[in-house]
Protein backbone atom coordinates (compact mmCIF):
# COMPACT_ATOMS: atom_id res chain seq x y z
CA MET A 1 17.20 -8.41 21.72
CA PRO A 2 13.56 -9.18 20.82
CA LYS A 3 12.97 -11.58 17.95
CA LEU A 4 11.92 -9.86 14.73
CA SER A 5 8.53 -10.68 13.25
CA TRP A 6 6.82 -9.78 9.97
CA VAL A 7 3.05 -9.97 9.60
CA GLY A 8 1.96 -13.13 7.78
CA CYS A 9 5.51 -14.54 7.76
CA ASP A 10 6.47 -17.62 9.78
CA ASP A 11 10.22 -17.51 9.10
CA VAL A 12 11.64 -13.98 8.96
CA GLU A 13 15.20 -15.17 8.41
CA ALA A 14 14.22 -17.17 5.31
CA ALA A 15 11.94 -14.40 4.02
CA ALA A 16 14.71 -11.80 4.34
CA LYS A 17 16.96 -13.86 2.07
CA ILE A 18 14.25 -13.56 -0.60
CA VAL A 19 13.10 -9.99 0.06
CA GLY A 20 16.56 -8.40 0.38
CA PRO A 21 17.79 -9.04 -3.18
CA ARG A 22 14.37 -8.01 -4.52
CA ILE A 23 14.54 -4.71 -2.64
CA LYS A 24 17.91 -4.18 -4.31
CA SER A 25 16.49 -5.07 -7.73
CA LEU A 26 13.59 -2.62 -7.35
CA ARG A 27 15.91 0.12 -6.05
CA GLN A 28 18.17 -0.24 -9.07
CA ALA A 29 15.21 -0.40 -11.48
CA ARG A 30 13.99 2.93 -10.05
CA GLY A 31 17.44 4.53 -10.41
CA LEU A 32 18.03 5.00 -6.68
CA THR A 33 21.36 4.66 -4.89
CA ILE A 34 21.66 2.92 -1.54
CA ARG A 35 22.38 6.27 0.12
CA GLY A 36 19.50 7.98 -1.68
CA LEU A 37 16.92 5.37 -0.66
CA ALA A 38 18.27 5.17 2.90
CA GLU A 39 18.03 8.95 3.33
CA ARG A 40 14.51 9.02 1.92
CA VAL A 41 13.33 6.32 4.33
CA GLY A 42 15.30 7.61 7.32
CA VAL A 43 17.51 4.58 7.94
CA SER A 44 21.24 4.13 7.89
CA LYS A 45 23.00 3.07 4.72
CA ASN A 46 24.29 0.00 6.57
CA THR A 47 20.76 -1.06 7.55
CA LEU A 48 19.65 -1.01 3.93
CA LEU A 49 22.84 -2.72 2.78
CA ARG A 50 22.31 -5.54 5.31
CA LEU A 51 18.72 -6.03 4.14
CA GLU A 52 19.80 -6.21 0.50
CA GLN A 53 22.32 -8.86 1.54
CA GLY A 54 19.49 -10.94 3.02
CA PHE A 55 19.49 -10.00 6.70
CA PRO A 56 16.15 -9.11 8.35
CA VAL A 57 15.20 -5.63 9.57
CA ALA A 58 12.41 -4.39 11.82
CA GLU A 59 8.99 -4.58 10.20
CA PRO A 60 8.33 -0.77 10.28
CA THR A 61 11.60 -0.27 8.38
CA LEU A 62 10.61 -2.84 5.76
CA VAL A 63 7.20 -1.17 5.30
CA ARG A 64 8.81 2.27 4.86
CA LEU A 65 11.20 0.86 2.26
CA CYS A 66 8.32 -0.76 0.38
CA ASN A 67 6.39 2.53 0.48
CA ALA A 68 9.38 4.34 -1.02
CA LEU A 69 9.64 1.73 -3.77
CA GLN A 70 5.85 1.73 -4.31
CA THR A 71 5.25 -1.89 -3.46
CA ILE A 72 4.10 -3.85 -0.40
CA PRO A 73 5.87 -6.69 1.49
CA PRO A 74 3.64 -9.52 0.16
CA ASN A 75 4.63 -8.58 -3.41
CA LEU A 76 8.24 -9.38 -2.56
CA MET A 77 7.58 -12.78 -1.01
CA VAL A 78 6.30 -14.66 -4.07
CA SER A 79 8.07 -17.77 -5.35
CA ASP A 80 11.16 -17.45 -7.55
CA GLU A 81 9.17 -18.95 -10.40
CA ASN A 82 6.54 -16.21 -10.26
CA TRP A 83 9.12 -13.48 -9.65
CA ASN A 84 11.10 -14.35 -12.79
CA LEU A 85 8.21 -14.88 -15.22
CA PRO A 86 7.57 -12.15 -17.84
CA TYR A 87 3.94 -12.18 -16.65
CA ARG A 88 2.07 -12.91 -13.47
CA VAL A 89 -1.47 -14.20 -12.99
CA HIS A 90 -3.61 -13.46 -9.94
CA ARG A 91 -6.20 -16.12 -9.23
CA GLY A 92 -9.35 -15.06 -7.44
CA ALA A 93 -8.96 -17.75 -4.80
CA SER A 94 -5.42 -16.65 -3.91
CA GLY A 95 -4.17 -13.76 -1.83
CA SER A 96 -5.74 -12.40 1.33
CA TRP A 97 -7.36 -9.30 2.77
CA ARG A 98 -5.01 -7.25 4.93
CA VAL A 99 -5.32 -4.21 7.17
CA ALA A 100 -4.64 -1.09 5.07
CA PHE A 101 -5.81 1.87 7.18
CA ARG A 102 -5.49 1.09 10.87
CA LYS A 103 -6.90 3.69 13.28
CA GLU A 104 -5.18 4.89 16.45
CA SER A 105 -8.03 3.46 18.54
CA ALA A 106 -7.33 -0.06 17.29
CA PRO A 107 -5.88 -2.59 19.76
CA LYS A 108 -2.13 -3.10 19.41
CA ARG A 109 -2.69 -6.66 18.23
CA ILE A 110 -4.15 -5.27 14.99
CA ARG A 111 -1.12 -4.37 12.87
CA ASP A 112 -0.64 -2.88 9.41
CA PHE A 113 -0.88 -5.63 6.76
CA GLU A 114 -2.36 -8.05 9.31
CA PRO A 115 -4.31 -10.70 7.35
CA ILE A 116 -8.05 -10.49 8.13
CA GLU A 117 -9.66 -13.04 5.85
CA PRO A 118 -13.20 -13.61 7.18
CA GLU A 119 -15.55 -10.97 5.79
CA ALA A 120 -17.55 -10.93 9.02
CA GLU A 121 -14.42 -10.00 10.99
CA ARG A 122 -13.55 -7.18 8.57
CA ILE A 123 -17.10 -5.84 8.91
CA ARG A 124 -16.84 -6.06 12.69
CA LEU A 125 -13.51 -4.22 12.86
CA GLY A 126 -14.73 -1.62 10.36
CA ASN A 127 -17.96 -0.94 12.23
CA LEU A 128 -16.11 -0.73 15.55
CA GLY A 129 -14.00 2.03 14.01
CA PHE A 130 -10.72 0.16 14.43
CA VAL A 131 -9.92 -0.12 10.70
CA SER A 132 -11.21 2.11 7.90
CA GLY A 133 -9.76 0.12 5.02
CA PHE A 134 -8.60 -3.36 3.99
CA LEU A 135 -6.50 -4.19 0.95
CA HIS A 136 -6.65 -7.29 -1.24
CA ASN A 137 -3.49 -7.03 -3.28
CA LEU A 138 -3.69 -8.45 -6.79
CA ASP A 139 -0.47 -10.44 -6.97
CA SER A 140 0.04 -9.70 -10.63
CA GLY A 141 2.94 -7.25 -10.58
CA ILE A 142 5.84 -8.38 -12.75
CA ARG A 143 9.51 -8.30 -11.79
CA ASN A 144 10.74 -4.69 -11.52
CA GLY A 145 7.42 -3.60 -13.02
CA LYS A 146 5.84 -0.27 -12.16
CA LEU A 147 2.19 -1.28 -12.53
CA GLN A 148 0.46 -2.30 -9.29
CA SER A 149 -3.17 -3.13 -8.51
CA ALA A 150 -5.40 -3.99 -5.57
CA VAL A 151 -9.01 -4.15 -4.44
CA VAL A 152 -9.71 -1.93 -1.42
CA GLU A 153 -12.58 -2.29 1.03
CA LEU A 154 -13.55 0.86 2.94
CA TYR A 155 -15.52 1.52 6.13
CA GLY A 156 -16.47 5.06 7.16
CA ASN A 157 -13.97 7.90 7.36
CA GLN A 158 -10.23 7.45 7.02
CA GLU A 159 -8.27 8.73 10.00
CA ARG A 160 -5.18 9.34 7.90
CA ALA A 161 -5.38 12.57 5.98
CA GLY A 162 -3.89 11.49 2.67
CA PHE A 163 -0.88 10.36 0.66
CA ARG A 164 1.05 11.32 -2.43
CA HIS A 165 3.63 9.56 -4.60
CA SER A 166 4.92 9.69 -8.15
CA GLY A 167 3.02 8.47 -11.19
CA GLU A 168 -0.59 8.00 -12.26
CA GLU A 169 -3.47 6.25 -10.56
CA MET A 170 -6.95 5.04 -11.47
CA VAL A 171 -9.72 3.95 -9.12
CA TYR A 172 -12.98 2.26 -10.13
CA CYS A 173 -15.91 2.04 -7.71
CA LEU A 174 -17.16 -1.54 -7.52
CA GLN A 175 -19.82 -1.21 -4.83
CA GLY A 176 -21.11 1.27 -2.28
CA ARG A 177 -20.26 4.99 -2.48
CA LEU A 178 -16.65 6.14 -2.68
CA LYS A 179 -15.67 9.55 -1.33
CA PHE A 180 -12.50 10.56 -3.16
CA THR A 181 -10.50 13.66 -2.21
CA ILE A 182 -7.62 15.09 -4.25
CA SER A 183 -6.01 18.31 -3.06
CA SER A 184 -9.01 20.56 -2.28
CA HIS A 185 -11.41 18.71 -4.61
CA GLN A 186 -13.88 16.07 -3.42
CA LEU A 187 -15.84 13.64 -5.59
CA ILE A 188 -18.48 11.00 -4.88
CA LEU A 189 -18.16 7.90 -7.07
CA GLU A 190 -21.00 5.43 -7.55
CA PRO A 191 -20.56 1.83 -8.79
CA GLY A 192 -19.27 1.98 -12.35
CA ASP A 193 -17.67 5.43 -11.88
CA SER A 194 -13.90 5.84 -12.12
CA VAL A 195 -11.32 8.61 -11.83
CA THR A 196 -7.74 8.88 -13.11
CA PHE A 197 -5.29 11.37 -11.60
CA TRP A 198 -1.67 12.35 -11.01
CA SER A 199 -0.61 10.66 -7.79
CA ARG A 200 1.71 13.52 -6.84
CA TYR A 201 -1.34 15.40 -5.53
CA ARG A 202 -2.47 14.59 -2.02
CA HIS A 203 -5.33 12.09 -2.21
CA ARG A 204 -7.42 9.90 0.06
CA TYR A 205 -10.21 7.34 -0.12
CA GLU A 206 -13.19 6.91 2.23
CA SER A 207 -16.56 5.25 2.24
CA ASP A 208 -19.45 7.70 1.90
CA LEU A 209 -21.68 5.26 3.78
CA ASP A 210 -22.14 5.41 7.54
CA SER A 211 -20.53 2.44 9.27
CA ALA A 212 -23.32 0.24 10.61
CA PHE A 213 -23.86 -3.47 10.77
CA GLY A 214 -25.82 -4.64 7.74
CA ILE A 215 -24.48 -1.93 5.42
CA GLU A 216 -22.16 -3.25 2.72
CA PRO A 217 -18.67 -1.74 2.66
CA THR A 218 -17.47 0.37 -0.24
CA ARG A 219 -15.14 -1.49 -2.58
CA MET A 220 -12.92 -0.11 -5.32
CA LEU A 221 -10.34 -1.36 -7.80
CA MET A 222 -7.12 0.62 -7.54
CA VAL A 223 -4.44 0.58 -10.26
CA TRP A 224 -1.32 2.72 -10.08
CA ILE A 225 1.93 3.13 -12.00
CA GLU A 226 5.07 5.19 -11.48
CA ASP A 227 6.19 7.67 -14.09
CA GLU A 228 9.80 8.34 -15.02
CA GLU A 229 10.33 11.01 -12.38
CA GLU A 230 12.25 10.05 -9.27
CA ALA A 231 10.02 7.92 -7.05
CA LEU A 232 8.62 9.71 -4.01
CA SER A 233 8.12 8.07 -0.67
CA ILE A 234 4.45 7.89 0.21
CA LYS A 235 3.84 10.73 2.66
CA ARG A 236 1.15 11.79 5.08
CA ASP A 237 -1.07 14.75 4.29
CA GLU A 238 0.70 17.25 6.53
CA GLU A 239 3.94 16.59 4.64
CA CYS A 240 2.52 17.14 1.17
CA GLU A 241 0.23 20.16 1.04
CA ILE A 242 0.41 20.61 -2.73
CA GLY A 243 -2.28 22.79 -4.29
CA TYR A 244 -3.12 23.03 -7.98
CA ALA A 245 -2.24 26.72 -8.09
CA GLN A 246 1.25 26.01 -6.76
CA GLU A 247 2.05 23.90 -9.83
CA GLY A 248 0.22 26.06 -12.34
CA ALA A 249 -2.56 23.50 -12.82
């Protein structure tokens, strides 16, 4: 049986003992049963139960669980001290840039959430068309909190067609030109522009600048929060064709 590995994690066994109980805590905070979350993610109830007890699972399974709980693996690997505080501070020098939107043409060695810290390497991968987006998670989410935030760096078009999930979201263009699509509507945001929207509608982010060496990437601040409705697993575009007319909007 091949040894399990998680991106950016040196000791999966030790990390699972931290992540498992936190997955359970988030699941309970969102009002989900073990069976309900397992069915939503497409894993067995026993697989989820083992993870919550501190046993490791395959990385794709962990990522799907985090998607369903609207968090990302690095958020669950902070120290106990930070996890239990009623607040959390993100320092500009901390955290790392990770692969957010990997393209099918990318070499297999480039994995989702792979840390890519040097800016020159992100520019290179973006201009080669291997990655259309990198995420710098702001490690400021509080225990069982629903508010999440990140800075996203975009290169060219996004190969993935879109996502949807519960709650509200706000994006603020920091630099470059942001092409934002929600359902059948498309907007161009310049630096200083922002948009707030219901996350249940299919949405996607792309750079409106042609990928070329010497052109700065598009950057945006992204803040999102779940509402009180049952959390939805993040889904690809073809699974969530929701139009405004369908919901009376």
